[in-house]
Amino acid sequence: MARRIGRPGLLGTMARTAVISGTATAVSGGVARRQAGRAQARQQQQYVEQQQAAQVQAAPAAPAAVQASGASDDLMAQLSKLAEMKAAGVLSEAEFAAAKAKLLG
């Protein structure tokens, strides 16, 4: 069979079009996935910031809540709760010290 010289035939054109189309689809899919990933990362960051803001707003009320429940809990349980709150970042060092001083004395 003789090899054709010049422009590609119908099958060659169809094959080239299919390759170009497949490449374009793959590239656009990658761009869409990357944009979706960035949007999800932004949403997660906003969620974390909202949670941190809520913890900051709730932190000043935390020592009062621990103090109010003092009648039923023993002293060690209350100190443990304060230590857990401090370790979780809910209480600052100063708030922890103030609440601890109130419990002890």
N, C-alpha and C. Protein backbone atom coordinates (compact mmCIF):
# COMPACT_ATOMS: atom_id res chain seq x y z
N MET A 1 0.84 -1.16 0.00
CA MET A 1 0.00 0.00 0.00
C MET A 1 0.89 1.23 0.00
N ALA A 2 0.52 2.18 -0.75
CA ALA A 2 1.30 3.40 -0.89
C ALA A 2 0.94 4.38 0.22
N ARG A 3 1.94 5.05 0.68
CA ARG A 3 1.75 6.04 1.74
C ARG A 3 1.32 7.35 1.13
N ARG A 4 0.36 7.99 1.74
CA ARG A 4 -0.18 9.23 1.20
C ARG A 4 0.68 10.40 1.65
N ILE A 5 0.99 11.30 0.79
CA ILE A 5 1.79 12.47 1.07
C ILE A 5 0.89 13.69 0.92
N GLY A 6 1.04 14.66 1.86
CA GLY A 6 0.22 15.86 1.78
C GLY A 6 -0.68 15.95 3.00
N ARG A 7 -1.84 16.46 2.80
CA ARG A 7 -2.78 16.63 3.90
C ARG A 7 -3.26 15.29 4.41
N PRO A 8 -3.60 15.26 5.73
CA PRO A 8 -4.11 13.99 6.26
C PRO A 8 -5.52 13.73 5.74
N GLY A 9 -5.85 12.49 5.70
CA GLY A 9 -7.18 12.11 5.25
C GLY A 9 -8.21 12.33 6.35
N LEU A 10 -9.37 11.82 6.11
CA LEU A 10 -10.48 11.99 7.04
C LEU A 10 -10.17 11.36 8.40
N LEU A 11 -9.64 10.16 8.42
CA LEU A 11 -9.32 9.49 9.68
C LEU A 11 -8.22 10.24 10.44
N GLY A 12 -7.23 10.74 9.73
CA GLY A 12 -6.16 11.50 10.38
C GLY A 12 -6.68 12.78 11.00
N THR A 13 -7.57 13.45 10.31
CA THR A 13 -8.16 14.68 10.85
C THR A 13 -9.01 14.38 12.07
N MET A 14 -9.79 13.31 12.00
CA MET A 14 -10.62 12.92 13.14
C MET A 14 -9.75 12.55 14.34
N ALA A 15 -8.67 11.85 14.12
CA ALA A 15 -7.78 11.45 15.22
C ALA A 15 -7.14 12.68 15.85
N ARG A 16 -6.69 13.60 15.03
CA ARG A 16 -6.07 14.82 15.55
C ARG A 16 -7.10 15.63 16.36
N THR A 17 -8.32 15.72 15.86
CA THR A 17 -9.37 16.45 16.57
C THR A 17 -9.68 15.78 17.91
N ALA A 18 -9.70 14.46 17.93
CA ALA A 18 -9.97 13.74 19.17
C ALA A 18 -8.86 13.99 20.20
N VAL A 19 -7.61 14.00 19.77
CA VAL A 19 -6.49 14.26 20.68
C VAL A 19 -6.58 15.67 21.24
N ILE A 20 -6.84 16.64 20.40
CA ILE A 20 -6.96 18.03 20.85
C ILE A 20 -8.12 18.18 21.83
N SER A 21 -9.24 17.56 21.52
CA SER A 21 -10.42 17.65 22.38
C SER A 21 -10.14 16.99 23.74
N GLY A 22 -9.50 15.84 23.72
CA GLY A 22 -9.18 15.16 24.97
C GLY A 22 -8.22 15.97 25.82
N THR A 23 -7.25 16.58 25.20
CA THR A 23 -6.30 17.42 25.93
C THR A 23 -7.00 18.61 26.54
N ALA A 24 -7.87 19.26 25.79
CA ALA A 24 -8.60 20.42 26.31
C ALA A 24 -9.49 20.02 27.48
N THR A 25 -10.13 18.88 27.40
CA THR A 25 -10.98 18.40 28.48
C THR A 25 -10.17 18.12 29.74
N ALA A 26 -9.03 17.49 29.57
CA ALA A 26 -8.17 17.19 30.71
C ALA A 26 -7.67 18.46 31.38
N VAL A 27 -7.27 19.43 30.59
CA VAL A 27 -6.77 20.69 31.15
C VAL A 27 -7.89 21.44 31.88
N SER A 28 -9.06 21.52 31.27
CA SER A 28 -10.16 22.24 31.92
C SER A 28 -10.61 21.51 33.18
N GLY A 29 -10.57 20.19 33.20
CA GLY A 29 -10.91 19.44 34.40
C GLY A 29 -9.91 19.70 35.52
N GLY A 30 -8.64 19.78 35.18
CA GLY A 30 -7.61 20.10 36.17
C GLY A 30 -7.79 21.48 36.76
N VAL A 31 -8.11 22.44 35.91
CA VAL A 31 -8.35 23.81 36.38
C VAL A 31 -9.55 23.84 37.31
N ALA A 32 -10.61 23.14 36.94
CA ALA A 32 -11.82 23.11 37.78
C ALA A 32 -11.53 22.47 39.14
N ARG A 33 -10.77 21.37 39.15
CA ARG A 33 -10.42 20.72 40.42
C ARG A 33 -9.57 21.65 41.29
N ARG A 34 -8.63 22.34 40.68
CA ARG A 34 -7.76 23.25 41.43
C ARG A 34 -8.58 24.40 42.03
N GLN A 35 -9.51 24.95 41.25
CA GLN A 35 -10.36 26.04 41.76
C GLN A 35 -11.26 25.54 42.88
N ALA A 36 -11.80 24.34 42.75
CA ALA A 36 -12.66 23.78 43.80
C ALA A 36 -11.85 23.54 45.07
N GLY A 37 -10.62 23.08 44.93
CA GLY A 37 -9.76 22.87 46.09
C GLY A 37 -9.45 24.17 46.81
N ARG A 38 -9.18 25.22 46.04
CA ARG A 38 -8.91 26.52 46.65
C ARG A 38 -10.14 27.06 47.36
N ALA A 39 -11.31 26.90 46.76
CA ALA A 39 -12.55 27.37 47.39
C ALA A 39 -12.81 26.61 48.69
N GLN A 40 -12.56 25.30 48.68
CA GLN A 40 -12.74 24.51 49.89
C GLN A 40 -11.75 24.94 50.97
N ALA A 41 -10.52 25.23 50.59
CA ALA A 41 -9.53 25.67 51.56
C ALA A 41 -9.93 27.01 52.18
N ARG A 42 -10.48 27.92 51.36
CA ARG A 42 -10.95 29.20 51.89
C ARG A 42 -12.10 29.00 52.87
N GLN A 43 -13.03 28.10 52.54
CA GLN A 43 -14.15 27.84 53.43
C GLN A 43 -13.68 27.24 54.75
N GLN A 44 -12.72 26.34 54.69
CA GLN A 44 -12.19 25.75 55.91
C GLN A 44 -11.50 26.81 56.76
N GLN A 45 -10.75 27.70 56.12
CA GLN A 45 -10.06 28.76 56.86
C GLN A 45 -11.09 29.68 57.54
N GLN A 46 -12.16 30.03 56.84
CA GLN A 46 -13.20 30.87 57.43
C GLN A 46 -13.86 30.16 58.61
N TYR A 47 -14.09 28.86 58.47
CA TYR A 47 -14.69 28.09 59.56
C TYR A 47 -13.79 28.10 60.79
N VAL A 48 -12.49 27.89 60.57
CA VAL A 48 -11.54 27.89 61.70
C VAL A 48 -11.51 29.26 62.37
N GLU A 49 -11.51 30.33 61.57
CA GLU A 49 -11.51 31.68 62.13
C GLU A 49 -12.78 31.94 62.94
N GLN A 50 -13.92 31.46 62.45
CA GLN A 50 -15.17 31.64 63.18
C GLN A 50 -15.14 30.87 64.50
N GLN A 51 -14.59 29.66 64.49
CA GLN A 51 -14.50 28.87 65.71
C GLN A 51 -13.57 29.54 66.73
N GLN A 52 -12.47 30.09 66.25
CA GLN A 52 -11.54 30.77 67.14
C GLN A 52 -12.19 32.02 67.73
N ALA A 53 -12.94 32.75 66.92
CA ALA A 53 -13.62 33.95 67.41
C ALA A 53 -14.66 33.56 68.46
N ALA A 54 -15.35 32.47 68.25
CA ALA A 54 -16.35 32.02 69.21
C ALA A 54 -15.69 31.60 70.53
N GLN A 55 -14.52 30.98 70.45
CA GLN A 55 -13.81 30.58 71.66
C GLN A 55 -13.32 31.80 72.42
N VAL A 56 -12.86 32.82 71.70
CA VAL A 56 -12.39 34.03 72.35
C VAL A 56 -13.55 34.72 73.07
N GLN A 57 -14.71 34.75 72.45
CA GLN A 57 -15.87 35.37 73.07
C GLN A 57 -16.35 34.57 74.27
N ALA A 58 -16.23 33.26 74.23
CA ALA A 58 -16.70 32.41 75.32
C ALA A 58 -15.68 32.32 76.46
N ALA A 59 -14.43 32.63 76.22
CA ALA A 59 -13.38 32.45 77.21
C ALA A 59 -13.60 33.26 78.50
N PRO A 60 -13.97 34.54 78.44
CA PRO A 60 -14.17 35.26 79.70
C PRO A 60 -15.29 34.68 80.56
N ALA A 61 -16.26 34.06 79.98
CA ALA A 61 -17.36 33.49 80.73
C ALA A 61 -17.00 32.14 81.34
N ALA A 62 -15.94 31.51 80.87
CA ALA A 62 -15.58 30.17 81.32
C ALA A 62 -15.23 30.12 82.80
N PRO A 63 -14.41 31.02 83.37
CA PRO A 63 -14.11 30.91 84.80
C PRO A 63 -15.36 31.06 85.66
N ALA A 64 -16.29 31.89 85.29
CA ALA A 64 -17.52 32.06 86.05
C ALA A 64 -18.34 30.78 86.02
N ALA A 65 -18.36 30.10 84.89
CA ALA A 65 -19.11 28.86 84.78
C ALA A 65 -18.50 27.79 85.67
N VAL A 66 -17.17 27.73 85.71
CA VAL A 66 -16.51 26.76 86.56
C VAL A 66 -16.78 27.09 88.03
N GLN A 67 -16.75 28.36 88.37
CA GLN A 67 -16.98 28.77 89.75
C GLN A 67 -18.41 28.48 90.19
N ALA A 68 -19.37 28.65 89.30
CA ALA A 68 -20.77 28.42 89.63
C ALA A 68 -21.04 26.95 89.93
N SER A 69 -20.32 26.04 89.32
CA SER A 69 -20.55 24.62 89.53
C SER A 69 -19.70 24.08 90.67
N GLY A 70 -19.10 24.97 91.49
CA GLY A 70 -18.20 24.57 92.56
C GLY A 70 -18.86 23.77 93.66
N ALA A 71 -20.14 23.93 93.87
CA ALA A 71 -20.81 23.24 94.97
C ALA A 71 -20.83 21.74 94.74
N SER A 72 -20.98 21.28 93.53
CA SER A 72 -21.14 19.86 93.28
C SER A 72 -19.82 19.16 92.93
N ASP A 73 -18.88 19.85 92.36
CA ASP A 73 -17.61 19.23 91.97
C ASP A 73 -16.58 19.42 93.07
N ASP A 74 -15.68 18.47 93.17
CA ASP A 74 -14.61 18.67 94.13
C ASP A 74 -13.53 19.55 93.51
N LEU A 75 -12.64 20.00 94.33
CA LEU A 75 -11.62 20.97 93.92
C LEU A 75 -10.71 20.44 92.82
N MET A 76 -10.33 19.18 92.89
CA MET A 76 -9.42 18.60 91.89
C MET A 76 -10.08 18.52 90.52
N ALA A 77 -11.35 18.20 90.47
CA ALA A 77 -12.06 18.12 89.19
C ALA A 77 -12.11 19.50 88.54
N GLN A 78 -12.34 20.52 89.36
CA GLN A 78 -12.40 21.88 88.82
C GLN A 78 -11.03 22.32 88.30
N LEU A 79 -10.00 22.00 89.06
CA LEU A 79 -8.64 22.36 88.61
C LEU A 79 -8.29 21.61 87.33
N SER A 80 -8.72 20.37 87.22
CA SER A 80 -8.47 19.59 86.00
C SER A 80 -9.18 20.22 84.80
N LYS A 81 -10.41 20.65 85.01
CA LYS A 81 -11.16 21.30 83.92
C LYS A 81 -10.46 22.58 83.48
N LEU A 82 -9.99 23.35 84.46
CA LEU A 82 -9.27 24.58 84.11
C LEU A 82 -8.02 24.27 83.32
N ALA A 83 -7.29 23.25 83.73
CA ALA A 83 -6.06 22.88 83.02
C ALA A 83 -6.37 22.42 81.60
N GLU A 84 -7.45 21.67 81.42
CA GLU A 84 -7.85 21.22 80.08
C GLU A 84 -8.22 22.42 79.20
N MET A 85 -8.94 23.37 79.77
CA MET A 85 -9.34 24.56 79.01
C MET A 85 -8.12 25.38 78.61
N LYS A 86 -7.16 25.47 79.53
CA LYS A 86 -5.93 26.20 79.22
C LYS A 86 -5.16 25.48 78.12
N ALA A 87 -5.06 24.16 78.21
CA ALA A 87 -4.34 23.37 77.19
C ALA A 87 -5.02 23.47 75.84
N ALA A 88 -6.35 23.58 75.82
CA ALA A 88 -7.09 23.69 74.56
C ALA A 88 -7.02 25.09 73.98
N GLY A 89 -6.50 26.04 74.75
CA GLY A 89 -6.40 27.40 74.25
C GLY A 89 -7.61 28.25 74.53
N VAL A 90 -8.55 27.73 75.30
CA VAL A 90 -9.75 28.49 75.62
C VAL A 90 -9.43 29.57 76.64
N LEU A 91 -8.54 29.25 77.59
CA LEU A 91 -8.14 30.21 78.61
C LEU A 91 -6.71 30.66 78.38
N SER A 92 -6.47 31.93 78.62
CA SER A 92 -5.09 32.43 78.57
C SER A 92 -4.43 32.13 79.91
N GLU A 93 -3.13 32.37 79.98
CA GLU A 93 -2.39 32.14 81.22
C GLU A 93 -2.96 33.00 82.36
N ALA A 94 -3.28 34.25 82.07
CA ALA A 94 -3.80 35.15 83.09
C ALA A 94 -5.19 34.70 83.57
N GLU A 95 -6.04 34.30 82.65
CA GLU A 95 -7.38 33.83 83.02
C GLU A 95 -7.29 32.54 83.85
N PHE A 96 -6.36 31.66 83.46
CA PHE A 96 -6.16 30.43 84.21
C PHE A 96 -5.71 30.72 85.63
N ALA A 97 -4.75 31.62 85.77
CA ALA A 97 -4.23 31.97 87.09
C ALA A 97 -5.32 32.59 87.96
N ALA A 98 -6.13 33.48 87.38
CA ALA A 98 -7.20 34.12 88.13
C ALA A 98 -8.25 33.11 88.60
N ALA A 99 -8.65 32.20 87.71
CA ALA A 99 -9.65 31.20 88.07
C ALA A 99 -9.10 30.24 89.11
N LYS A 100 -7.84 29.87 88.98
CA LYS A 100 -7.20 28.98 89.93
C LYS A 100 -7.12 29.64 91.33
N ALA A 101 -6.77 30.93 91.35
CA ALA A 101 -6.71 31.65 92.62
C ALA A 101 -8.09 31.72 93.28
N LYS A 102 -9.14 31.92 92.49
CA LYS A 102 -10.50 31.95 93.05
C LYS A 102 -10.88 30.62 93.65
N LEU A 103 -10.49 29.53 92.97
CA LEU A 103 -10.82 28.19 93.49
C LEU A 103 -10.05 27.88 94.77
N LEU A 104 -8.80 28.25 94.78
CA LEU A 104 -7.95 27.92 95.93
C LEU A 104 -8.13 28.85 97.11
N GLY A 105 -8.67 30.02 96.81
CA GLY A 105 -8.77 30.79 97.91
C GLY A 105 -9.20 32.02 98.33
